[in-house]
Amino acid sequence: MFSLFMNMLIIFIISNIMMILASILSKKS
């Protein structure tokens, strides 16, 4: 149960980082 929660948390954080990076790259270009 704990490992499942950690996996979901990591996926959520990674998806947020990817969205932030995408917005930064779109602003630069």
Protein backbone atom coordinates (compact mmCIF):
# COMPACT_ATOMS: atom_id res chain seq x y z
CA MET A 1 0.00 0.00 0.00
CA PHE A 2 2.78 2.42 0.93
CA SER A 3 4.80 1.61 -2.20
CA LEU A 4 1.70 2.15 -4.36
CA PHE A 5 1.19 5.58 -2.79
CA MET A 6 4.84 6.47 -3.40
CA ASN A 7 4.58 5.38 -7.05
CA MET A 8 1.50 7.57 -7.60
CA LEU A 9 3.22 10.49 -5.85
CA ILE A 10 6.34 10.14 -8.01
CA ILE A 11 4.26 9.95 -11.20
CA PHE A 12 2.33 13.06 -10.12
CA ILE A 13 5.54 15.00 -9.43
CA ILE A 14 7.15 13.91 -12.72
CA SER A 15 4.06 14.93 -14.70
CA ASN A 16 4.11 18.35 -13.01
CA ILE A 17 7.82 18.82 -13.82
CA MET A 18 7.21 17.88 -17.47
CA MET A 19 4.34 20.41 -17.72
CA ILE A 20 6.55 23.14 -16.19
CA LEU A 21 9.44 22.32 -18.55
CA ALA A 22 7.05 22.37 -21.53
CA SER A 23 5.75 25.82 -20.54
CA ILE A 24 9.31 27.15 -20.12
CA LEU A 25 10.40 25.78 -23.52
CA SER A 26 7.32 27.26 -25.22
CA LYS A 27 8.03 30.66 -23.67
CA LYS A 28 11.68 30.62 -24.85
CA SER A 29 10.83 29.81 -28.47
